[in-house]
Amino acid sequence: MTTAKIGKRVKGTRLTPLRYSHMDQHRVSYFVYRCECGTVKTIRKYHVKVSRTKSCGCLNKESYLKN
């Protein structure tokens, strides 16, 4: 799965990329994402690309409260 274009929600996640943030000293790219719950976070692009990160953390909270 690839990262969606700026402004389009990434398939299989709750995240929408807003803009490029920065690249660290290891040449790892970070983007600013908006979650469906409204939270804005800077997240490593690769983690979203491989579906390691699917939300800002709200998904984990919801599944914890459900159980």
Protein backbone atom coordinates (compact mmCIF):
# COMPACT_ATOMS: atom_id res chain seq x y z
CA MET A 1 0.00 0.00 0.00
CA THR A 2 1.28 3.47 -0.80
CA THR A 3 0.79 6.78 0.91
CA ALA A 4 -2.12 8.80 -0.49
CA LYS A 5 -1.77 12.24 -2.00
CA ILE A 6 -1.90 15.32 0.19
CA GLY A 7 -5.50 15.92 1.24
CA LYS A 8 -6.77 12.40 0.47
CA ARG A 9 -7.32 9.87 3.26
CA VAL A 10 -4.90 6.94 3.25
CA LYS A 11 -6.84 3.76 2.48
CA GLY A 12 -7.17 1.47 5.51
CA THR A 13 -6.39 4.22 8.01
CA ARG A 14 -8.08 7.18 9.66
CA LEU A 15 -5.28 9.51 8.54
CA THR A 16 -5.17 12.26 5.92
CA PRO A 17 -1.76 13.74 5.03
CA LEU A 18 -1.75 17.54 5.29
CA ARG A 19 1.85 18.46 4.43
CA TYR A 20 5.47 17.35 4.52
CA SER A 21 7.08 17.98 7.89
CA HIS A 22 10.78 17.12 7.80
CA MET A 23 13.48 14.51 7.22
CA ASP A 24 15.62 13.39 10.15
CA GLN A 25 19.38 12.71 10.18
CA HIS A 26 18.72 9.13 9.00
CA ARG A 27 16.83 10.42 5.93
CA VAL A 28 13.46 9.27 7.29
CA SER A 29 10.50 11.35 6.05
CA TYR A 30 7.78 12.67 8.37
CA PHE A 31 4.42 14.11 7.36
CA VAL A 32 1.74 15.97 9.29
CA TYR A 33 -1.49 13.94 9.33
CA ARG A 34 -5.02 14.76 10.48
CA CYS A 35 -6.96 11.91 12.06
CA GLU A 36 -10.72 11.51 11.60
CA CYS A 37 -11.14 12.45 15.28
CA GLY A 38 -9.57 15.86 14.52
CA THR A 39 -6.12 15.35 16.06
CA VAL A 40 -3.13 16.58 14.06
CA LYS A 41 0.14 14.63 14.48
CA THR A 42 3.53 14.31 12.83
CA ILE A 43 4.05 10.66 11.91
CA ARG A 44 6.75 8.73 10.10
CA LYS A 45 5.64 8.25 6.47
CA TYR A 46 6.78 4.62 6.33
CA HIS A 47 4.67 3.63 9.35
CA VAL A 48 1.53 4.86 7.62
CA LYS A 49 2.56 3.36 4.29
CA VAL A 50 2.84 -0.18 5.71
CA SER A 51 -0.25 0.28 7.95
CA ARG A 52 1.76 0.11 11.17
CA THR A 53 0.05 3.35 12.20
CA LYS A 54 -3.67 3.60 11.40
CA SER A 55 -4.74 6.51 13.61
CA CYS A 56 -3.50 9.06 16.11
CA GLY A 57 -4.11 6.58 18.93
CA CYS A 58 -7.87 6.95 19.09
CA LEU A 59 -8.36 3.54 17.47
CA ASN A 60 -6.47 1.82 20.31
CA LYS A 61 -8.45 3.77 22.91
CA GLU A 62 -11.76 2.80 21.30
CA SER A 63 -10.89 -0.89 21.10
CA TYR A 64 -9.66 -0.83 24.73
CA LEU A 65 -12.88 0.76 25.95
CA LYS A 66 -14.95 -1.67 23.88
CA ASN A 67 -13.39 -4.67 25.66
